[in-house]
Amino acid sequence: MVANYSKLKKNKQGMPKMGWTRPPSGLVKLNTDAAVNLDSRRAASGSIVRDASGQFLAACRVEIDGVLDVATAEAQAFRDGLRLVEQIGCNKIYIETDSLEVVNALADPFNHRTVGTAFLDECRLIMAGFESTRLAHCPREANKAAHLVARTIDENNVWFDEPPAFLYPQLVDDVTDIA
């Protein structure tokens, strides 16, 4: 049944959707995103951790006040996700964000100085404490669950083992899109 459903999940041009993908074997996957409202200078980070089968491990949402720009909010979201991974005790992680600016700044810190540099420096310190980290940019379509966590509720929250009810449909959609 999943295979049939997966065949139906195509975009308007008939091409398969680009969605969440499994991490490499032996790694857990962290997706991070920020939902930003520059008019109110408020944002929230959303992070979600899943294993290679797509099984939910943890998620968190953190309010960000006084936001000056999207890049800084994305850097804070990345940091919040790393803290979540630390909290659940994982040390081999594959990290994805749809913020190319964050990925590039972490890959080459000397050529990418932004307002979020202090957060990115903290991210590097946290990442150095893990046994293994891999970082990749992903399309927005592959980061829907993290964005949903960031934008859905108006309070800080952390979920372990069981996802919040609002997240179930996206988690199911993500795992039915993968082979």
N, C-alpha and C. Protein backbone atom coordinates (compact mmCIF):
# COMPACT_ATOMS: atom_id res chain seq x y z
N MET A 1 0.82 -1.20 0.00
CA MET A 1 0.00 0.00 0.00
C MET A 1 0.86 1.26 0.00
N VAL A 2 1.94 1.25 0.81
CA VAL A 2 2.83 2.41 0.85
C VAL A 2 3.44 2.65 -0.52
N ALA A 3 3.81 1.58 -1.22
CA ALA A 3 4.41 1.73 -2.55
C ALA A 3 3.42 2.38 -3.51
N ASN A 4 2.15 1.98 -3.45
CA ASN A 4 1.14 2.58 -4.32
C ASN A 4 0.93 4.04 -3.98
N TYR A 5 0.86 4.37 -2.69
CA TYR A 5 0.68 5.75 -2.26
C TYR A 5 1.86 6.59 -2.73
N SER A 6 3.06 6.03 -2.61
CA SER A 6 4.27 6.75 -3.00
C SER A 6 4.25 7.08 -4.49
N LYS A 7 3.72 6.17 -5.31
CA LYS A 7 3.65 6.42 -6.75
C LYS A 7 2.72 7.59 -7.08
N LEU A 8 1.71 7.80 -6.24
CA LEU A 8 0.78 8.88 -6.47
C LEU A 8 1.32 10.24 -6.05
N LYS A 9 2.35 10.26 -5.22
CA LYS A 9 2.89 11.50 -4.67
C LYS A 9 3.81 12.17 -5.70
N LYS A 10 3.23 12.84 -6.65
CA LYS A 10 4.00 13.52 -7.68
C LYS A 10 3.54 14.97 -7.76
N ASN A 11 4.43 15.82 -8.23
CA ASN A 11 4.05 17.21 -8.38
C ASN A 11 3.26 17.39 -9.69
N LYS A 12 2.89 18.62 -10.00
CA LYS A 12 2.05 18.88 -11.16
C LYS A 12 2.72 18.52 -12.48
N GLN A 13 4.04 18.50 -12.51
CA GLN A 13 4.73 18.15 -13.74
C GLN A 13 4.93 16.64 -13.86
N GLY A 14 4.43 15.86 -12.89
CA GLY A 14 4.58 14.41 -12.94
C GLY A 14 5.90 13.91 -12.37
N MET A 15 6.68 14.80 -11.82
CA MET A 15 7.97 14.42 -11.24
C MET A 15 7.79 14.07 -9.76
N PRO A 16 8.56 13.10 -9.26
CA PRO A 16 8.46 12.79 -7.83
C PRO A 16 8.83 14.01 -6.98
N LYS A 17 8.15 14.16 -5.84
CA LYS A 17 8.45 15.26 -4.94
C LYS A 17 9.81 15.06 -4.30
N MET A 18 10.47 16.18 -3.99
CA MET A 18 11.73 16.13 -3.26
C MET A 18 11.39 16.31 -1.79
N GLY A 19 11.43 15.25 -1.04
CA GLY A 19 11.07 15.32 0.37
C GLY A 19 12.19 14.81 1.26
N TRP A 20 11.81 14.52 2.49
CA TRP A 20 12.74 14.04 3.50
C TRP A 20 13.41 12.75 3.03
N THR A 21 14.69 12.64 3.30
CA THR A 21 15.43 11.42 2.96
C THR A 21 16.08 10.86 4.22
N ARG A 22 16.36 9.58 4.19
CA ARG A 22 16.98 8.91 5.33
C ARG A 22 18.42 9.36 5.48
N PRO A 23 18.91 9.36 6.72
CA PRO A 23 20.34 9.64 6.93
C PRO A 23 21.15 8.39 6.57
N PRO A 24 22.44 8.54 6.38
CA PRO A 24 23.28 7.37 6.15
C PRO A 24 23.20 6.41 7.34
N SER A 25 23.45 5.15 7.08
CA SER A 25 23.38 4.12 8.10
C SER A 25 24.24 4.47 9.32
N GLY A 26 23.69 4.25 10.49
CA GLY A 26 24.42 4.50 11.73
C GLY A 26 24.32 5.92 12.26
N LEU A 27 23.64 6.80 11.52
CA LEU A 27 23.50 8.19 11.95
C LEU A 27 22.03 8.50 12.23
N VAL A 28 21.79 9.44 13.13
CA VAL A 28 20.45 10.00 13.28
C VAL A 28 20.43 11.30 12.48
N LYS A 29 19.24 11.73 12.12
CA LYS A 29 19.14 12.93 11.30
C LYS A 29 18.46 14.05 12.07
N LEU A 30 19.10 15.20 12.04
CA LEU A 30 18.57 16.42 12.62
C LEU A 30 18.20 17.37 11.50
N ASN A 31 16.95 17.83 11.49
CA ASN A 31 16.52 18.90 10.59
C ASN A 31 16.20 20.12 11.44
N THR A 32 16.66 21.29 10.99
CA THR A 32 16.39 22.53 11.71
C THR A 32 15.83 23.57 10.75
N ASP A 33 15.02 24.48 11.32
CA ASP A 33 14.48 25.58 10.52
C ASP A 33 14.05 26.69 11.46
N ALA A 34 13.90 27.87 10.91
CA ALA A 34 13.37 29.02 11.66
C ALA A 34 12.16 29.56 10.91
N ALA A 35 11.15 29.95 11.67
CA ALA A 35 10.00 30.66 11.14
C ALA A 35 10.13 32.09 11.65
N VAL A 36 10.18 33.05 10.73
CA VAL A 36 10.54 34.43 11.09
C VAL A 36 9.45 35.42 10.68
N ASN A 37 9.18 36.37 11.59
CA ASN A 37 8.32 37.51 11.30
C ASN A 37 9.15 38.76 11.58
N LEU A 38 9.73 39.35 10.53
CA LEU A 38 10.61 40.50 10.72
C LEU A 38 9.85 41.74 11.17
N ASP A 39 8.56 41.85 10.85
CA ASP A 39 7.78 43.01 11.30
C ASP A 39 7.71 43.07 12.82
N SER A 40 7.50 41.94 13.45
CA SER A 40 7.42 41.90 14.92
C SER A 40 8.78 41.60 15.56
N ARG A 41 9.77 41.32 14.71
CA ARG A 41 11.12 40.97 15.18
C ARG A 41 11.10 39.72 16.06
N ARG A 42 10.19 38.80 15.74
CA ARG A 42 10.08 37.55 16.48
C ARG A 42 10.26 36.38 15.52
N ALA A 43 10.75 35.30 16.09
CA ALA A 43 10.93 34.08 15.31
C ALA A 43 10.85 32.90 16.27
N ALA A 44 10.90 31.73 15.70
CA ALA A 44 10.97 30.50 16.49
C ALA A 44 11.79 29.50 15.72
N SER A 45 12.52 28.69 16.47
CA SER A 45 13.28 27.62 15.84
C SER A 45 12.49 26.32 15.97
N GLY A 46 12.64 25.48 14.99
CA GLY A 46 12.05 24.14 15.02
C GLY A 46 13.12 23.13 14.69
N SER A 47 13.20 22.09 15.49
CA SER A 47 14.19 21.03 15.26
C SER A 47 13.51 19.68 15.45
N ILE A 48 13.92 18.73 14.64
CA ILE A 48 13.38 17.38 14.75
C ILE A 48 14.49 16.37 14.50
N VAL A 49 14.51 15.32 15.32
CA VAL A 49 15.52 14.26 15.22
C VAL A 49 14.80 12.95 14.93
N ARG A 50 15.28 12.25 13.88
CA ARG A 50 14.72 10.95 13.50
C ARG A 50 15.84 9.97 13.20
N ASP A 51 15.51 8.69 13.30
CA ASP A 51 16.51 7.67 12.97
C ASP A 51 16.43 7.34 11.48
N ALA A 52 17.21 6.35 11.05
CA ALA A 52 17.31 6.02 9.63
C ALA A 52 16.01 5.48 9.03
N SER A 53 15.10 5.00 9.87
CA SER A 53 13.82 4.51 9.35
C SER A 53 12.75 5.60 9.36
N GLY A 54 13.10 6.78 9.85
CA GLY A 54 12.15 7.87 9.93
C GLY A 54 11.44 7.93 11.27
N GLN A 55 11.83 7.05 12.18
CA GLN A 55 11.21 7.01 13.51
C GLN A 55 11.53 8.28 14.29
N PHE A 56 10.50 8.92 14.83
CA PHE A 56 10.65 10.14 15.61
C PHE A 56 11.42 9.84 16.90
N LEU A 57 12.42 10.68 17.19
CA LEU A 57 13.17 10.56 18.44
C LEU A 57 12.91 11.76 19.35
N ALA A 58 12.91 12.96 18.77
CA ALA A 58 12.71 14.17 19.58
C ALA A 58 12.46 15.36 18.67
N ALA A 59 11.87 16.40 19.27
CA ALA A 59 11.68 17.67 18.56
C ALA A 59 11.65 18.78 19.60
N CYS A 60 11.95 19.99 19.16
CA CYS A 60 11.82 21.13 20.06
C CYS A 60 11.47 22.39 19.28
N ARG A 61 10.87 23.32 20.00
CA ARG A 61 10.54 24.64 19.47
C ARG A 61 11.01 25.66 20.49
N VAL A 62 11.74 26.66 20.02
CA VAL A 62 12.27 27.69 20.92
C VAL A 62 11.95 29.06 20.34
N GLU A 63 11.34 29.92 21.17
CA GLU A 63 11.05 31.30 20.78
C GLU A 63 12.35 32.09 20.64
N ILE A 64 12.39 32.97 19.65
CA ILE A 64 13.54 33.85 19.43
C ILE A 64 13.01 35.27 19.37
N ASP A 65 13.34 36.10 20.34
CA ASP A 65 12.90 37.49 20.35
C ASP A 65 14.01 38.42 19.84
N GLY A 66 13.64 39.56 19.32
CA GLY A 66 14.60 40.56 18.87
C GLY A 66 15.35 40.16 17.62
N VAL A 67 14.68 39.49 16.71
CA VAL A 67 15.32 39.00 15.48
C VAL A 67 15.64 40.18 14.56
N LEU A 68 16.88 40.23 14.09
CA LEU A 68 17.29 41.29 13.17
C LEU A 68 17.27 40.84 11.72
N ASP A 69 17.52 39.55 11.50
CA ASP A 69 17.55 39.04 10.13
C ASP A 69 17.31 37.54 10.13
N VAL A 70 16.94 37.01 8.98
CA VAL A 70 16.62 35.59 8.84
C VAL A 70 17.85 34.72 9.09
N ALA A 71 19.01 35.13 8.59
CA ALA A 71 20.22 34.32 8.75
C ALA A 71 20.55 34.07 10.22
N THR A 72 20.39 35.09 11.05
CA THR A 72 20.66 34.92 12.48
C THR A 72 19.65 33.96 13.11
N ALA A 73 18.39 34.09 12.74
CA ALA A 73 17.38 33.17 13.26
C ALA A 73 17.67 31.73 12.83
N GLU A 74 18.12 31.55 11.59
CA GLU A 74 18.47 30.21 11.11
C GLU A 74 19.68 29.66 11.88
N ALA A 75 20.65 30.51 12.19
CA ALA A 75 21.81 30.08 12.97
C ALA A 75 21.39 29.68 14.38
N GLN A 76 20.48 30.44 14.98
CA GLN A 76 19.97 30.09 16.31
C GLN A 76 19.20 28.78 16.26
N ALA A 77 18.42 28.57 15.22
CA ALA A 77 17.68 27.32 15.06
C ALA A 77 18.63 26.14 14.96
N PHE A 78 19.71 26.32 14.22
CA PHE A 78 20.71 25.27 14.08
C PHE A 78 21.31 24.94 15.45
N ARG A 79 21.66 25.97 16.21
CA ARG A 79 22.21 25.77 17.55
C ARG A 79 21.22 25.06 18.46
N ASP A 80 19.95 25.46 18.41
CA ASP A 80 18.92 24.81 19.24
C ASP A 80 18.79 23.32 18.89
N GLY A 81 18.89 23.00 17.60
CA GLY A 81 18.83 21.60 17.18
C GLY A 81 20.00 20.80 17.70
N LEU A 82 21.19 21.38 17.65
CA LEU A 82 22.37 20.69 18.18
C LEU A 82 22.23 20.45 19.68
N ARG A 83 21.68 21.40 20.39
CA ARG A 83 21.45 21.22 21.83
C ARG A 83 20.47 20.08 22.09
N LEU A 84 19.45 19.96 21.23
CA LEU A 84 18.49 18.87 21.37
C LEU A 84 19.19 17.52 21.18
N VAL A 85 20.03 17.42 20.16
CA VAL A 85 20.76 16.18 19.91
C VAL A 85 21.65 15.83 21.10
N GLU A 86 22.31 16.83 21.66
CA GLU A 86 23.11 16.62 22.88
C GLU A 86 22.23 16.08 24.01
N GLN A 87 21.08 16.67 24.17
CA GLN A 87 20.17 16.32 25.26
C GLN A 87 19.70 14.86 25.18
N ILE A 88 19.49 14.34 23.97
CA ILE A 88 19.03 12.96 23.86
C ILE A 88 20.18 11.96 23.77
N GLY A 89 21.41 12.46 23.76
CA GLY A 89 22.56 11.58 23.86
C GLY A 89 23.05 10.97 22.56
N CYS A 90 22.69 11.54 21.44
CA CYS A 90 23.19 11.04 20.15
C CYS A 90 24.54 11.68 19.86
N ASN A 91 25.44 10.92 19.24
CA ASN A 91 26.74 11.51 18.94
C ASN A 91 27.21 11.26 17.51
N LYS A 92 26.37 10.62 16.70
CA LYS A 92 26.66 10.45 15.28
C LYS A 92 25.45 11.01 14.52
N ILE A 93 25.63 12.20 13.95
CA ILE A 93 24.48 12.89 13.39
C ILE A 93 24.71 13.39 11.96
N TYR A 94 23.62 13.38 11.23
CA TYR A 94 23.55 13.96 9.89
C TYR A 94 22.60 15.14 10.01
N ILE A 95 23.06 16.33 9.68
CA ILE A 95 22.30 17.55 9.93
C ILE A 95 21.91 18.19 8.60
N GLU A 96 20.63 18.54 8.49
CA GLU A 96 20.16 19.26 7.31
C GLU A 96 19.43 20.52 7.72
N THR A 97 19.63 21.55 6.93
CA THR A 97 18.90 22.80 7.06
C THR A 97 18.64 23.33 5.66
N ASP A 98 17.58 24.09 5.51
CA ASP A 98 17.32 24.69 4.20
C ASP A 98 17.98 26.06 4.08
N SER A 99 18.80 26.42 5.06
CA SER A 99 19.53 27.69 5.01
C SER A 99 20.92 27.46 4.42
N LEU A 100 21.05 27.79 3.15
CA LEU A 100 22.34 27.64 2.49
C LEU A 100 23.38 28.55 3.13
N GLU A 101 22.95 29.71 3.61
CA GLU A 101 23.88 30.63 4.27
C GLU A 101 24.51 30.00 5.51
N VAL A 102 23.73 29.29 6.31
CA VAL A 102 24.27 28.61 7.49
C VAL A 102 25.23 27.51 7.08
N VAL A 103 24.85 26.71 6.10
CA VAL A 103 25.72 25.62 5.64
C VAL A 103 27.05 26.17 5.14
N ASN A 104 27.00 27.21 4.30
CA ASN A 104 28.24 27.79 3.76
C ASN A 104 29.09 28.42 4.86
N ALA A 105 28.45 29.09 5.81
CA ALA A 105 29.20 29.74 6.89
C ALA A 105 29.87 28.71 7.79
N LEU A 106 29.22 27.59 8.03
CA LEU A 106 29.83 26.54 8.85
C LEU A 106 30.96 25.84 8.10
N ALA A 107 30.81 25.71 6.80
CA ALA A 107 31.84 25.06 5.99
C ALA A 107 33.08 25.92 5.81
N ASP A 108 32.90 27.24 5.77
CA ASP A 108 34.02 28.16 5.53
C ASP A 108 33.87 29.40 6.40
N PRO A 109 34.22 29.28 7.68
CA PRO A 109 33.96 30.37 8.63
C PRO A 109 34.72 31.66 8.35
N PHE A 110 35.82 31.59 7.64
CA PHE A 110 36.62 32.79 7.41
C PHE A 110 36.07 33.69 6.32
N ASN A 111 35.27 33.13 5.43
CA ASN A 111 34.71 33.92 4.34
C ASN A 111 33.23 34.23 4.53
N HIS A 112 32.68 33.85 5.66
CA HIS A 112 31.25 34.07 5.91
C HIS A 112 31.04 34.62 7.31
N ARG A 113 31.24 35.90 7.46
CA ARG A 113 31.00 36.57 8.74
C ARG A 113 29.65 37.25 8.65
N THR A 114 28.71 36.82 9.50
CA THR A 114 27.36 37.38 9.48
C THR A 114 26.99 37.84 10.88
N VAL A 115 25.79 38.40 11.00
CA VAL A 115 25.28 38.79 12.31
C VAL A 115 25.20 37.57 13.21
N GLY A 116 24.93 36.40 12.63
CA GLY A 116 24.80 35.17 13.41
C GLY A 116 26.10 34.46 13.70
N THR A 117 27.22 35.12 13.50
CA THR A 117 28.53 34.48 13.67
C THR A 117 28.72 33.89 15.07
N ALA A 118 28.29 34.60 16.10
CA ALA A 118 28.46 34.08 17.47
C ALA A 118 27.70 32.76 17.64
N PHE A 119 26.51 32.67 17.06
CA PHE A 119 25.75 31.42 17.14
C PHE A 119 26.43 30.31 16.36
N LEU A 120 26.98 30.66 15.21
CA LEU A 120 27.69 29.66 14.40
C LEU A 120 28.95 29.18 15.10
N ASP A 121 29.65 30.08 15.78
CA ASP A 121 30.82 29.67 16.56
C ASP A 121 30.41 28.68 17.65
N GLU A 122 29.29 28.94 18.30
CA GLU A 122 28.78 28.02 19.32
C GLU A 122 28.42 26.68 18.67
N CYS A 123 27.85 26.71 17.49
CA CYS A 123 27.52 25.47 16.77
C CYS A 123 28.77 24.64 16.50
N ARG A 124 29.83 25.30 16.09
CA ARG A 124 31.09 24.59 15.83
C ARG A 124 31.61 23.91 17.09
N LEU A 125 31.51 24.59 18.21
CA LEU A 125 31.96 24.01 19.49
C LEU A 125 31.11 22.79 19.85
N ILE A 126 29.82 22.90 19.70
CA ILE A 126 28.94 21.76 20.02
C ILE A 126 29.24 20.60 19.08
N MET A 127 29.37 20.88 17.78
CA MET A 127 29.63 19.83 16.80
C MET A 127 30.96 19.12 17.07
N ALA A 128 31.93 19.84 17.58
CA ALA A 128 33.23 19.23 17.88
C ALA A 128 33.11 18.16 18.98
N GLY A 129 32.08 18.24 19.78
CA GLY A 129 31.88 17.27 20.84
C GLY A 129 31.21 15.98 20.38
N PHE A 130 30.72 15.93 19.16
CA PHE A 130 30.09 14.72 18.64
C PHE A 130 31.14 13.81 18.02
N GLU A 131 30.87 12.53 18.01
CA GLU A 131 31.79 11.57 17.39
C GLU A 131 31.84 11.75 15.88
N SER A 132 30.68 12.03 15.28
CA SER A 132 30.61 12.17 13.83
C SER A 132 29.50 13.15 13.48
N THR A 133 29.80 14.10 12.59
CA THR A 133 28.78 15.01 12.08
C THR A 133 28.94 15.16 10.58
N ARG A 134 27.83 15.20 9.91
CA ARG A 134 27.78 15.51 8.48
C ARG A 134 26.74 16.60 8.32
N LEU A 135 27.03 17.56 7.50
CA LEU A 135 26.16 18.71 7.31
C LEU A 135 25.80 18.83 5.84
N ALA A 136 24.52 19.11 5.58
CA ALA A 136 24.08 19.26 4.20
C ALA A 136 22.96 20.29 4.11
N HIS A 137 22.91 20.92 2.96
CA HIS A 137 21.78 21.80 2.63
C HIS A 137 20.69 20.92 2.04
N CYS A 138 19.44 21.23 2.35
CA CYS A 138 18.33 20.49 1.76
C CYS A 138 17.31 21.49 1.21
N PRO A 139 16.52 21.06 0.24
CA PRO A 139 15.46 21.95 -0.25
C PRO A 139 14.39 22.12 0.82
N ARG A 140 13.66 23.20 0.72
CA ARG A 140 12.59 23.48 1.69
C ARG A 140 11.61 22.31 1.79
N GLU A 141 11.35 21.64 0.66
CA GLU A 141 10.40 20.52 0.65
C GLU A 141 10.86 19.37 1.55
N ALA A 142 12.15 19.26 1.78
CA ALA A 142 12.70 18.19 2.62
C ALA A 142 12.77 18.59 4.09
N ASN A 143 12.37 19.80 4.40
CA ASN A 143 12.51 20.34 5.75
C ASN A 143 11.16 20.75 6.34
N LYS A 144 10.09 20.21 5.81
CA LYS A 144 8.75 20.63 6.22
C LYS A 144 8.46 20.36 7.69
N ALA A 145 8.91 19.24 8.21
CA ALA A 145 8.61 18.90 9.61
C ALA A 145 9.24 19.91 10.57
N ALA A 146 10.48 20.29 10.33
CA ALA A 146 11.15 21.26 11.20
C ALA A 146 10.45 22.62 11.11
N HIS A 147 10.06 23.01 9.91
CA HIS A 147 9.35 24.29 9.76
C HIS A 147 7.99 24.25 10.46
N LEU A 148 7.31 23.13 10.36
CA LEU A 148 6.02 22.98 11.02
C LEU A 148 6.15 23.11 12.53
N VAL A 149 7.19 22.52 13.10
CA VAL A 149 7.43 22.65 14.54
C VAL A 149 7.67 24.11 14.90
N ALA A 150 8.43 24.82 14.08
CA ALA A 150 8.75 26.23 14.37
C ALA A 150 7.52 27.13 14.31
N ARG A 151 6.60 26.87 13.40
CA ARG A 151 5.51 27.82 13.17
C ARG A 151 4.16 27.44 13.78
N THR A 152 4.00 26.24 14.29
CA THR A 152 2.67 25.78 14.66
C THR A 152 2.16 26.27 16.00
N ILE A 153 2.98 26.33 17.01
CA ILE A 153 2.50 26.72 18.34
C ILE A 153 3.22 27.97 18.81
N ASP A 154 2.69 28.61 19.84
CA ASP A 154 3.28 29.85 20.34
C ASP A 154 3.91 29.68 21.71
N GLU A 155 4.65 28.62 21.89
CA GLU A 155 5.33 28.42 23.17
C GLU A 155 6.54 27.52 22.96
N ASN A 156 7.48 27.62 23.87
CA ASN A 156 8.64 26.72 23.83
C ASN A 156 8.16 25.34 24.24
N ASN A 157 8.72 24.33 23.62
CA ASN A 157 8.34 22.98 23.96
C ASN A 157 9.39 22.00 23.49
N VAL A 158 9.45 20.86 24.17
CA VAL A 158 10.33 19.76 23.78
C VAL A 158 9.51 18.48 23.86
N TRP A 159 9.65 17.63 22.85
CA TRP A 159 8.95 16.35 22.82
C TRP A 159 9.98 15.25 22.65
N PHE A 160 9.85 14.20 23.46
CA PHE A 160 10.72 13.03 23.37
C PHE A 160 9.88 11.80 23.08
N ASP A 161 10.36 10.95 22.22
CA ASP A 161 9.76 9.65 21.89
C ASP A 161 8.43 9.72 21.14
N GLU A 162 7.50 10.55 21.57
CA GLU A 162 6.20 10.70 20.92
C GLU A 162 6.06 12.10 20.34
N PRO A 163 5.81 12.20 19.04
CA PRO A 163 5.66 13.53 18.45
C PRO A 163 4.33 14.17 18.85
N PRO A 164 4.25 15.50 18.78
CA PRO A 164 2.97 16.16 19.03
C PRO A 164 1.98 15.80 17.91
N ALA A 165 0.71 15.84 18.23
CA ALA A 165 -0.33 15.42 17.28
C ALA A 165 -0.27 16.20 15.96
N PHE A 166 0.03 17.50 16.01
CA PHE A 166 0.06 18.29 14.78
C PHE A 166 1.14 17.85 13.81
N LEU A 167 2.13 17.11 14.31
CA LEU A 167 3.27 16.71 13.48
C LEU A 167 3.06 15.35 12.79
N TYR A 168 2.16 14.53 13.30
CA TYR A 168 1.94 13.19 12.75
C TYR A 168 1.73 13.17 11.24
N PRO A 169 0.81 13.98 10.69
CA PRO A 169 0.59 13.90 9.24
C PRO A 169 1.86 14.17 8.42
N GLN A 170 2.68 15.11 8.85
CA GLN A 170 3.92 15.40 8.11
C GLN A 170 4.91 14.26 8.23
N LEU A 171 5.01 13.66 9.40
CA LEU A 171 5.93 12.52 9.58
C LEU A 171 5.52 11.35 8.70
N VAL A 172 4.22 11.09 8.65
CA VAL A 172 3.73 10.01 7.78
C VAL A 172 4.01 10.34 6.32
N ASP A 173 3.75 11.58 5.92
CA ASP A 173 4.01 12.01 4.55
C ASP A 173 5.50 11.86 4.20
N ASP A 174 6.35 12.22 5.14
CA ASP A 174 7.80 12.11 4.90
C ASP A 174 8.23 10.67 4.66
N VAL A 175 7.77 9.74 5.47
CA VAL A 175 8.24 8.35 5.32
C VAL A 175 7.56 7.63 4.18
N THR A 176 6.39 8.08 3.75
CA THR A 176 5.78 7.44 2.58
C THR A 176 6.37 7.95 1.29
N ASP A 177 7.11 9.06 1.34
CA ASP A 177 7.78 9.59 0.15
C ASP A 177 9.13 8.92 -0.11
N ILE A 178 9.64 8.18 0.89
CA ILE A 178 10.96 7.57 0.69
C ILE A 178 10.80 6.10 0.38
N ALA A 179 11.77 5.57 -0.33
CA ALA A 179 11.71 4.16 -0.72
C ALA A 179 12.20 3.27 0.40
